[in-house]
Amino acid sequence: MNYDVIVIGSGPGGYVAAIRASQLGLKTAVVERESLGGICLNWGCIPTKALLKSAQVFEYINHAAEYGIKTAEAEADFAAVIKRSRGVADGMSKGVQFLMKKNKIDVIMGSGKVKSGNKVEVKAADGSQKEYTATSIILATGGRSRELPNLKQDGKKVIGYRQAMVLPEQPKSMVVVGSGAIGVEFAYFYATLGTKVTIVEFMDNVVPVEDEDVSKQLLRSFKKAGIEIMTSSSVESVDTSGAGCKVQVKTAAGMQTLECDIVLSAAGVVANIEHLGLEETGIKTEKGKVVVDEFYNTSVKGYYAIGDIVGGQALAHVASAEGIICVEKIAGHKPEPLDYNNIPGCTYCSPEIASVGYTEKAAKAAGYELKIGKFPFSASGKASAAGAKDGFVKLIFDAKYGELLGAHMIGANVTEMIAEIVVARKLETTGHEMIKSVHPHPTMSEAIMEAAADAYGEVIHL
């Protein structure tokens, strides 16, 4: 059976690429070994946000008296929270099934492997194999939880993010190794439901890819919420021979032993590039990633790669954008290459984190002279009314031309606010233009206008 495009993997990179290919008139198939929607819909972005929403609702109820509401003592039903999350994920996966049918995309269930001559071999669950051909083959196989050499995951006491979403019962205590997005989101979720959580982070700051001011604010907010944080520390070993876990942590002050029920390894993700036929086909890899050009061509003509298996940020929205650009180029269109310096990053703990572009440190290192504006939510009327005064908006401008170099936000709903900055940067908006763009009152988004005004000495409400 011949296709114009075969996509291996149906995550947010693969299924989006397949739909765009079909829209452009290309006969398309998707190969998927597990569930349509990939990790994002089934075990990542979507079900984790469902868990976090349950935690947020529980937090609201526990603080209802602060809003003048009397309630009985709330109790979290952990099994029901997990069940709701799985239901949300299942619904989204069914939605992708509908989109495949709507766009007349063939879904081939099984493990795909590329072969020379524009061929894909698919091994089904029953062991049977079938070969397909396509003019263009797109690899979109995503990533999985990174396993550290001294922190082997057994799926029971030492777990990755997949097990963290479906634990049979809530642990009384947990050590989270790593404070990136995955680590801090699960730390917030479990701590809010009553688990004693300790975060161990190797770097000097939590959420180390973020601006240092954001890291410091999250540290304060998490400590206030009762989460213990150990920075500049590393887990050396875990003893799981007893009822729980004994975690040996190396700190600046020496070795410490932490005892807990569960250890969650949240040390990032690794690309799924094994057993894909890359070596046999001659597709070049480097440092565990497939090497591609700006339009996602691999080193072998007719084979492409997108998403977590190529360089760039390992984010769902990046994979989707890459998929669309890749397919439009295949179809003969003239898409712009993706600007990886204008990709928003969002972390959905509480308070939320959202950022795009240069951090203050990176902008200085790049040689820019800066104007920096910062507006705290403690000065926001909407934040005060909502009872969500933690956090701020920080904007970084090039002093010479007024270019918006970066934005860093921490607070309630900032993951919904960052898109304004992404559009502004795409349109090369200056600081003065942002100040003169009237924002509605009262909203959290006013903090963006105020932060821009602060950078130019025009802030009103500080």
Protein backbone atom coordinates (compact mmCIF):
# COMPACT_ATOMS: atom_id res chain seq x y z
CA MET A 1 0.00 0.00 0.00
CA ASN A 2 1.55 3.32 -1.07
CA TYR A 3 1.15 6.67 0.68
CA ASP A 4 2.36 10.18 0.09
CA VAL A 5 3.17 10.54 3.81
CA ILE A 6 3.57 8.02 6.62
CA VAL A 7 4.00 9.44 10.13
CA ILE A 8 5.47 7.17 12.82
CA GLY A 9 4.04 8.30 16.16
CA SER A 10 0.73 10.02 16.87
CA GLY A 11 1.63 12.50 19.60
CA PRO A 12 1.13 16.28 19.19
CA GLY A 13 3.85 16.29 16.52
CA GLY A 14 2.71 13.23 14.60
CA TYR A 15 -1.06 13.59 14.56
CA VAL A 16 -0.87 17.32 13.77
CA ALA A 17 1.56 16.62 10.90
CA ALA A 18 -0.80 13.92 9.59
CA ILE A 19 -3.85 16.20 9.68
CA ARG A 20 -2.01 19.04 7.91
CA ALA A 21 -0.74 16.59 5.28
CA SER A 22 -4.27 15.38 4.65
CA GLN A 23 -5.54 18.98 4.43
CA LEU A 24 -2.94 19.59 1.72
CA GLY A 25 -4.23 16.65 -0.33
CA LEU A 26 -1.58 14.10 0.58
CA LYS A 27 -2.59 10.47 1.12
CA THR A 28 -1.54 9.92 4.73
CA ALA A 29 -1.15 7.16 7.32
CA VAL A 30 -0.13 7.20 10.98
CA VAL A 31 1.68 4.34 12.72
CA GLU A 32 1.04 4.13 16.49
CA ARG A 33 2.15 1.39 18.86
CA GLU A 34 0.09 2.36 21.90
CA SER A 35 -2.65 5.05 21.98
CA LEU A 36 -3.53 7.85 19.59
CA GLY A 37 -2.41 11.19 20.99
CA GLY A 38 0.89 9.85 22.28
CA ILE A 39 2.37 10.70 25.67
CA CYS A 40 0.98 14.26 25.72
CA LEU A 41 -2.68 13.29 25.53
CA ASN A 42 -2.45 10.00 27.39
CA TRP A 43 0.35 10.35 29.95
CA GLY A 44 1.59 13.93 29.87
CA CYS A 45 0.17 17.38 29.19
CA ILE A 46 -3.54 16.63 29.46
CA PRO A 47 -3.93 14.13 32.34
CA THR A 48 -1.41 16.01 34.49
CA LYS A 49 -3.43 19.21 34.07
CA ALA A 50 -6.52 17.28 35.18
CA LEU A 51 -4.65 16.17 38.31
CA LEU A 52 -3.46 19.70 38.98
CA LYS A 53 -7.00 21.07 38.60
CA SER A 54 -8.23 18.62 41.24
CA ALA A 55 -5.44 19.80 43.55
CA GLN A 56 -6.35 23.42 42.89
CA VAL A 57 -10.03 22.77 43.68
CA PHE A 58 -9.00 21.04 46.91
CA GLU A 59 -6.80 24.03 47.77
CA TYR A 60 -9.67 26.45 47.10
CA ILE A 61 -11.99 24.48 49.40
CA ASN A 62 -9.39 24.40 52.17
CA HIS A 63 -9.08 28.20 51.93
CA ALA A 64 -12.79 28.88 51.44
CA ALA A 65 -13.02 30.78 54.73
CA GLU A 66 -10.67 33.42 53.28
CA TYR A 67 -13.38 34.15 50.69
CA GLY A 68 -16.16 34.27 53.27
CA ILE A 69 -17.42 30.75 52.54
CA LYS A 70 -18.10 28.21 55.28
CA THR A 71 -17.52 24.57 54.34
CA ALA A 72 -17.21 21.23 56.08
CA GLU A 73 -13.71 19.78 56.23
CA ALA A 74 -12.74 18.62 52.74
CA GLU A 75 -11.23 15.22 52.03
CA ALA A 76 -9.41 14.25 48.85
CA ASP A 77 -10.52 10.96 47.30
CA PHE A 78 -7.20 10.03 45.67
CA ALA A 79 -8.60 7.15 43.61
CA ALA A 80 -11.39 9.38 42.26
CA VAL A 81 -8.88 12.11 41.37
CA ILE A 82 -6.82 9.59 39.40
CA LYS A 83 -9.96 8.18 37.75
CA ARG A 84 -11.05 11.65 36.61
CA SER A 85 -7.62 12.30 35.11
CA ARG A 86 -7.69 9.04 33.16
CA GLY A 87 -11.20 9.84 31.93
CA VAL A 88 -10.06 13.21 30.61
CA ALA A 89 -7.12 11.54 28.81
CA ASP A 90 -9.36 8.85 27.30
CA GLY A 91 -11.74 11.50 26.02
CA MET A 92 -8.94 13.41 24.33
CA SER A 93 -7.57 10.23 22.73
CA LYS A 94 -11.04 9.48 21.32
CA GLY A 95 -11.04 13.03 19.95
CA VAL A 96 -7.86 12.26 17.98
CA GLN A 97 -9.49 9.06 16.66
CA PHE A 98 -12.36 11.22 15.38
CA LEU A 99 -9.91 13.65 13.73
CA MET A 100 -8.15 10.76 11.96
CA LYS A 101 -11.46 9.55 10.51
CA LYS A 102 -12.60 13.06 9.62
CA ASN A 103 -9.38 13.71 7.70
CA LYS A 104 -9.37 10.25 6.06
CA ILE A 105 -6.05 9.27 7.65
CA ASP A 106 -5.30 5.55 7.90
CA VAL A 107 -4.27 4.47 11.40
CA ILE A 108 -1.88 1.49 11.46
CA MET A 109 -1.46 0.04 14.95
CA GLY A 110 1.96 -1.42 15.73
CA SER A 111 5.64 -0.53 16.12
CA GLY A 112 7.08 1.21 13.09
CA LYS A 113 10.60 0.84 11.75
CA VAL A 114 12.07 2.66 8.76
CA LYS A 115 13.86 0.78 5.99
CA SER A 116 15.75 1.91 2.91
CA GLY A 117 13.77 2.64 -0.22
CA ASN A 118 11.10 4.76 1.52
CA LYS A 119 9.65 1.79 3.36
CA VAL A 120 8.12 1.39 6.80
CA GLU A 121 7.85 -1.99 8.47
CA VAL A 122 5.10 -2.28 11.09
CA LYS A 123 5.07 -5.05 13.67
CA ALA A 124 1.60 -5.57 15.16
CA ALA A 125 0.88 -6.65 18.75
CA ASP A 126 0.31 -10.24 17.56
CA GLY A 127 3.81 -10.34 16.05
CA SER A 128 2.71 -10.10 12.42
CA GLN A 129 4.62 -7.74 10.15
CA LYS A 130 3.59 -5.66 7.19
CA GLU A 131 5.50 -3.31 4.93
CA TYR A 132 4.28 0.04 3.58
CA THR A 133 5.85 2.59 1.26
CA ALA A 134 5.61 6.38 1.20
CA THR A 135 7.20 9.23 -0.70
CA SER A 136 7.84 10.98 2.62
CA ILE A 137 8.29 9.35 6.04
CA ILE A 138 8.11 11.48 9.19
CA LEU A 139 9.54 10.20 12.48
CA ALA A 140 7.65 11.61 15.48
CA THR A 141 8.29 9.02 18.18
CA GLY A 142 8.62 11.42 21.13
CA GLY A 143 10.41 10.84 24.41
CA ARG A 144 10.23 9.02 27.73
CA SER A 145 11.31 9.57 31.33
CA ARG A 146 15.10 9.84 31.63
CA GLU A 147 16.52 7.13 33.89
CA LEU A 148 19.56 8.19 35.91
CA PRO A 149 22.31 5.54 36.36
CA ASN A 150 22.12 5.69 40.17
CA LEU A 151 18.32 5.96 40.25
CA LYS A 152 16.93 2.90 38.51
CA GLN A 153 13.14 2.97 38.23
CA ASP A 154 11.34 -0.16 39.44
CA GLY A 155 7.87 1.29 38.76
CA LYS A 156 6.79 0.76 42.38
CA LYS A 157 9.01 2.62 44.84
CA VAL A 158 11.22 4.49 42.38
CA ILE A 159 8.92 5.77 39.66
CA GLY A 160 8.72 8.00 36.59
CA TYR A 161 5.93 10.38 35.58
CA ARG A 162 3.71 7.64 34.13
CA GLN A 163 3.48 5.76 37.41
CA ALA A 164 3.07 9.06 39.29
CA MET A 165 -0.25 9.57 37.48
CA VAL A 166 -1.76 6.22 38.42
CA LEU A 167 -0.43 5.27 41.85
CA PRO A 168 -2.88 2.85 43.56
CA GLU A 169 -2.82 4.91 46.75
CA GLN A 170 -1.55 8.28 47.89
CA PRO A 171 1.92 8.09 49.48
CA LYS A 172 2.44 9.72 52.87
CA SER A 173 5.85 11.01 51.78
CA MET A 174 7.69 11.50 48.50
CA VAL A 175 11.11 12.66 47.32
CA VAL A 176 11.04 14.34 43.90
CA VAL A 177 14.38 14.27 42.08
CA GLY A 178 14.58 17.22 39.70
CA SER A 179 12.73 20.54 39.75
CA GLY A 180 11.94 21.07 36.09
CA ALA A 181 8.32 21.34 34.94
CA ILE A 182 7.53 17.66 35.61
CA GLY A 183 9.09 17.72 39.07
CA VAL A 184 7.45 20.88 40.39
CA GLU A 185 4.03 20.04 38.94
CA PHE A 186 3.93 16.66 40.69
CA ALA A 187 5.43 18.20 43.85
CA TYR A 188 2.57 20.72 43.95
CA PHE A 189 -0.07 18.06 43.21
CA TYR A 190 1.01 15.60 45.89
CA ALA A 191 1.84 18.25 48.52
CA THR A 192 -1.57 19.90 48.07
CA LEU A 193 -3.31 16.58 48.64
CA GLY A 194 -1.33 16.07 51.86
CA THR A 195 1.81 14.13 50.93
CA LYS A 196 5.02 15.31 52.61
CA VAL A 197 7.17 16.32 49.62
CA THR A 198 10.90 17.03 49.39
CA ILE A 199 12.45 18.26 46.13
CA VAL A 200 16.12 17.48 45.44
CA GLU A 201 17.66 19.67 42.73
CA PHE A 202 21.23 19.34 41.43
CA MET A 203 21.43 22.97 40.24
CA ASP A 204 21.59 26.06 42.48
CA ASN A 205 17.99 27.08 41.73
CA VAL A 206 14.66 25.31 41.34
CA VAL A 207 13.21 25.44 37.78
CA PRO A 208 16.81 26.15 36.65
CA VAL A 209 15.95 27.06 33.04
CA GLU A 210 13.83 29.99 34.25
CA ASP A 211 14.91 33.53 35.09
CA GLU A 212 16.51 33.62 38.55
CA ASP A 213 13.84 35.97 39.93
CA VAL A 214 11.17 33.40 39.00
CA SER A 215 13.18 30.62 40.66
CA LYS A 216 13.45 32.63 43.88
CA GLN A 217 9.71 33.37 43.92
CA LEU A 218 8.76 29.72 43.38
CA LEU A 219 11.13 28.72 46.18
CA ARG A 220 9.33 31.13 48.54
CA SER A 221 5.87 30.00 47.44
CA PHE A 222 6.69 26.29 47.72
CA LYS A 223 8.29 26.69 51.16
CA LYS A 224 5.17 28.58 52.29
CA ALA A 225 3.13 25.60 51.05
CA GLY A 226 5.20 23.23 53.18
CA ILE A 227 7.34 21.71 50.42
CA GLU A 228 10.96 21.10 51.46
CA ILE A 229 13.57 22.01 48.86
CA MET A 230 17.22 20.97 48.68
CA THR A 231 19.20 22.75 45.93
CA SER A 232 22.83 22.10 44.95
CA SER A 233 22.14 18.52 45.98
CA SER A 234 22.20 15.13 44.28
CA VAL A 235 20.70 11.73 44.99
CA GLU A 236 23.56 9.26 45.25
CA SER A 237 21.56 6.08 45.90
CA VAL A 238 18.18 4.73 46.99
CA ASP A 239 17.73 1.71 49.25
CA THR A 240 14.33 0.10 48.59
CA SER A 241 14.91 -3.08 50.58
CA GLY A 242 12.71 -1.99 53.49
CA ALA A 243 9.09 -0.92 53.69
CA GLY A 244 9.87 2.44 52.11
CA CYS A 245 12.90 4.16 50.59
CA LYS A 246 16.10 5.46 52.14
CA VAL A 247 17.51 8.17 49.91
CA GLN A 248 21.15 9.17 50.22
CA VAL A 249 21.51 12.84 49.26
CA LYS A 250 24.83 14.61 48.77
CA THR A 251 24.65 18.26 49.84
CA ALA A 252 27.17 21.04 50.40
CA ALA A 253 26.99 20.22 54.12
CA GLY A 254 27.61 16.50 53.57
CA MET A 255 25.50 13.37 53.13
CA GLN A 256 21.92 13.26 54.36
CA THR A 257 19.47 10.36 54.51
CA LEU A 258 15.83 11.01 53.60
CA GLU A 259 13.13 8.43 54.28
CA CYS A 260 10.00 8.32 52.14
CA ASP A 261 7.38 6.01 50.61
CA ILE A 262 8.05 6.92 46.97
CA VAL A 263 10.89 8.45 44.96
CA LEU A 264 9.80 10.24 41.78
CA SER A 265 12.57 10.59 39.20
CA ALA A 266 11.83 13.78 37.24
CA ALA A 267 15.19 14.37 35.62
CA GLY A 268 13.85 15.18 32.17
CA VAL A 269 13.14 13.10 29.08
CA VAL A 270 15.17 11.08 26.59
CA ALA A 271 14.34 10.65 22.90
CA ASN A 272 12.78 7.42 21.61
CA ILE A 273 15.20 6.68 18.76
CA GLU A 274 16.01 3.03 19.48
CA HIS A 275 14.75 0.20 17.26
CA LEU A 276 13.60 2.63 14.55
CA GLY A 277 15.98 1.41 11.85
CA LEU A 278 18.00 4.65 11.86
CA GLU A 279 21.38 2.92 11.64
CA GLU A 280 20.29 0.56 8.86
CA THR A 281 18.76 3.42 6.88
CA GLY A 282 21.78 5.68 7.40
CA ILE A 283 19.90 8.44 9.24
CA LYS A 284 22.40 10.50 11.22
CA THR A 285 22.04 11.03 14.97
CA GLU A 286 24.04 13.14 17.39
CA LYS A 287 23.92 13.16 21.21
CA GLY A 288 20.79 11.02 21.27
CA LYS A 289 18.85 13.15 18.76
CA VAL A 290 18.13 12.86 15.04
CA VAL A 291 20.03 15.48 13.04
CA VAL A 292 17.71 17.62 10.85
CA ASP A 293 17.83 20.87 8.90
CA GLU A 294 15.48 23.85 9.39
CA PHE A 295 12.70 22.02 7.51
CA TYR A 296 13.25 18.70 9.36
CA ASN A 297 14.97 16.79 6.55
CA THR A 298 17.19 14.06 7.99
CA SER A 299 20.49 13.06 6.36
CA VAL A 300 18.56 10.68 4.07
CA LYS A 301 16.27 12.12 1.38
CA GLY A 302 12.56 11.43 1.94
CA TYR A 303 12.93 10.87 5.68
CA TYR A 304 12.04 13.58 8.20
CA ALA A 305 11.99 13.92 12.00
CA ILE A 306 10.13 16.25 14.38
CA GLY A 307 9.37 16.71 18.08
CA ASP A 308 11.31 15.39 21.07
CA ILE A 309 13.66 13.31 18.91
CA VAL A 310 15.25 16.40 17.31
CA GLY A 311 17.04 19.40 18.85
CA GLY A 312 15.03 22.25 20.32
CA GLN A 313 12.65 22.40 23.25
CA ALA A 314 10.90 19.12 24.12
CA LEU A 315 7.42 20.68 24.23
CA ALA A 316 4.12 19.60 22.69
CA HIS A 317 3.48 22.93 20.96
CA VAL A 318 6.97 22.87 19.46
CA ALA A 319 6.36 19.39 18.01
CA SER A 320 3.03 20.55 16.51
CA ALA A 321 4.62 23.63 14.93
CA GLU A 322 7.49 21.53 13.54
CA GLY A 323 5.02 19.02 12.10
CA ILE A 324 3.11 21.72 10.24
CA ILE A 325 6.27 23.35 8.86
CA CYS A 326 7.67 19.97 7.81
CA VAL A 327 4.52 18.94 5.92
CA GLU A 328 3.98 22.31 4.28
CA LYS A 329 7.54 22.15 2.93
CA ILE A 330 6.92 18.60 1.68
CA ALA A 331 3.77 19.84 -0.09
CA GLY A 332 5.74 22.55 -1.92
CA HIS A 333 4.71 25.52 0.20
CA LYS A 334 7.18 28.10 1.54
CA PRO A 335 6.85 28.06 5.33
CA GLU A 336 9.10 30.14 7.59
CA PRO A 337 11.58 28.18 9.71
CA LEU A 338 10.56 28.04 13.37
CA ASP A 339 11.99 30.75 15.64
CA TYR A 340 13.13 28.71 18.65
CA ASN A 341 13.84 31.89 20.61
CA ASN A 342 10.13 32.77 20.58
CA ILE A 343 8.77 29.55 22.06
CA PRO A 344 6.77 29.95 25.28
CA GLY A 345 7.45 27.61 28.17
CA CYS A 346 4.71 26.95 30.72
CA THR A 347 4.75 25.18 34.08
CA TYR A 348 1.39 24.47 35.70
CA CYS A 349 2.19 24.21 39.39
CA SER A 350 0.76 26.88 41.70
CA PRO A 351 1.82 29.60 41.25
CA GLU A 352 2.09 29.00 37.50
CA ILE A 353 5.20 29.91 35.52
CA ALA A 354 5.37 31.17 31.94
CA SER A 355 8.31 32.57 30.00
CA VAL A 356 9.61 33.31 26.53
CA GLY A 357 12.85 34.64 25.07
CA TYR A 358 15.98 35.73 26.93
CA THR A 359 16.41 35.55 30.69
CA GLU A 360 18.09 38.61 32.24
CA LYS A 361 21.33 36.64 32.61
CA ALA A 362 21.27 35.39 28.99
CA ALA A 363 20.45 38.84 27.61
CA LYS A 364 23.42 40.38 29.44
CA ALA A 365 25.67 37.55 28.23
CA ALA A 366 24.51 38.27 24.66
CA GLY A 367 25.80 41.84 25.03
CA TYR A 368 22.53 43.75 25.25
CA GLU A 369 22.11 46.90 27.31
CA LEU A 370 18.85 46.34 29.15
CA LYS A 371 15.77 48.09 30.39
CA ILE A 372 13.92 45.85 32.85
CA GLY A 373 10.41 46.34 34.14
CA LYS A 374 8.75 44.37 36.90
CA PHE A 375 5.23 44.53 38.26
CA PRO A 376 4.21 42.46 41.30
CA PHE A 377 0.75 40.91 41.52
CA SER A 378 0.57 42.26 45.07
CA ALA A 379 -0.12 45.63 43.37
CA SER A 380 -2.79 44.18 41.05
CA GLY A 381 -6.44 44.81 41.92
CA LYS A 382 -7.59 41.65 40.14
CA ALA A 383 -4.97 39.51 41.90
CA SER A 384 -6.00 40.94 45.29
CA ALA A 385 -9.68 40.27 44.56
CA ALA A 386 -8.83 36.71 43.48
CA GLY A 387 -6.66 36.07 46.53
CA ALA A 388 -3.68 35.31 44.29
CA LYS A 389 -1.09 37.97 45.08
CA ASP A 390 2.05 35.80 44.81
CA GLY A 391 4.23 36.50 41.79
CA PHE A 392 5.02 39.12 39.19
CA VAL A 393 5.54 39.95 35.50
CA LYS A 394 9.09 40.80 34.43
CA LEU A 395 9.85 42.21 30.97
CA ILE A 396 13.33 42.63 29.46
CA PHE A 397 13.89 45.18 26.70
CA ASP A 398 16.87 46.14 24.57
CA ALA A 399 17.63 49.68 25.75
CA LYS A 400 18.86 50.76 22.31
CA TYR A 401 15.92 49.81 20.08
CA GLY A 402 13.14 48.94 22.53
CA GLU A 403 12.96 45.32 21.34
CA LEU A 404 11.19 42.98 23.77
CA LEU A 405 13.91 40.42 24.50
CA GLY A 406 12.13 38.27 27.06
CA ALA A 407 9.23 37.92 29.48
CA HIS A 408 9.08 35.99 32.74
CA MET A 409 5.91 35.54 34.76
CA ILE A 410 4.96 33.67 37.90
CA GLY A 411 1.47 33.79 39.35
CA ALA A 412 -2.13 32.74 38.80
CA ASN A 413 -3.14 32.24 35.15
CA VAL A 414 0.16 33.42 33.67
CA THR A 415 0.19 30.42 31.31
CA GLU A 416 -2.82 32.05 29.63
CA MET A 417 -1.12 35.47 29.51
CA ILE A 418 2.19 34.54 27.86
CA ALA A 419 0.68 34.28 24.34
CA GLU A 420 0.34 38.07 24.27
CA ILE A 421 4.11 38.34 24.60
CA VAL A 422 4.74 35.69 21.92
CA VAL A 423 2.59 37.63 19.44
CA ALA A 424 4.18 40.94 20.47
CA ARG A 425 7.68 39.56 19.88
CA LYS A 426 6.64 38.02 16.54
CA LEU A 427 5.38 41.46 15.45
CA GLU A 428 8.57 43.14 16.77
CA THR A 429 6.56 45.29 19.15
CA THR A 430 8.49 47.86 21.20
CA GLY A 431 8.13 48.71 24.86
CA HIS A 432 6.39 52.02 24.12
CA GLU A 433 3.84 50.28 21.91
CA MET A 434 3.03 47.89 24.75
CA ILE A 435 2.60 50.77 27.20
CA LYS A 436 0.17 52.49 24.81
CA SER A 437 -1.84 49.29 24.17
CA VAL A 438 -4.79 49.69 26.56
CA HIS A 439 -5.34 46.63 28.74
CA PRO A 440 -8.71 45.89 30.36
CA HIS A 441 -9.24 46.62 34.06
CA PRO A 442 -9.33 44.74 36.33
CA THR A 443 -7.32 41.87 34.86
CA MET A 444 -4.10 40.04 35.64
CA SER A 445 -2.93 41.03 32.13
CA GLU A 446 -2.64 44.69 33.19
CA ALA A 447 0.60 43.60 34.88
CA ILE A 448 2.15 43.25 31.40
CA MET A 449 1.37 46.87 30.49
CA GLU A 450 2.52 48.02 33.93
CA ALA A 451 5.78 46.06 33.71
CA ALA A 452 6.51 47.67 30.33
CA ALA A 453 5.77 51.08 31.85
CA ASP A 454 8.07 50.30 34.78
CA ALA A 455 10.94 49.61 32.38
CA TYR A 456 10.55 53.15 31.00
CA GLY A 457 9.86 54.94 34.29
CA GLU A 458 6.17 55.40 33.55
CA VAL A 459 4.53 52.86 35.86
CA ILE A 460 1.34 54.17 37.53
CA HIS A 461 0.45 51.66 40.24
CA LEU A 462 3.79 51.18 41.97
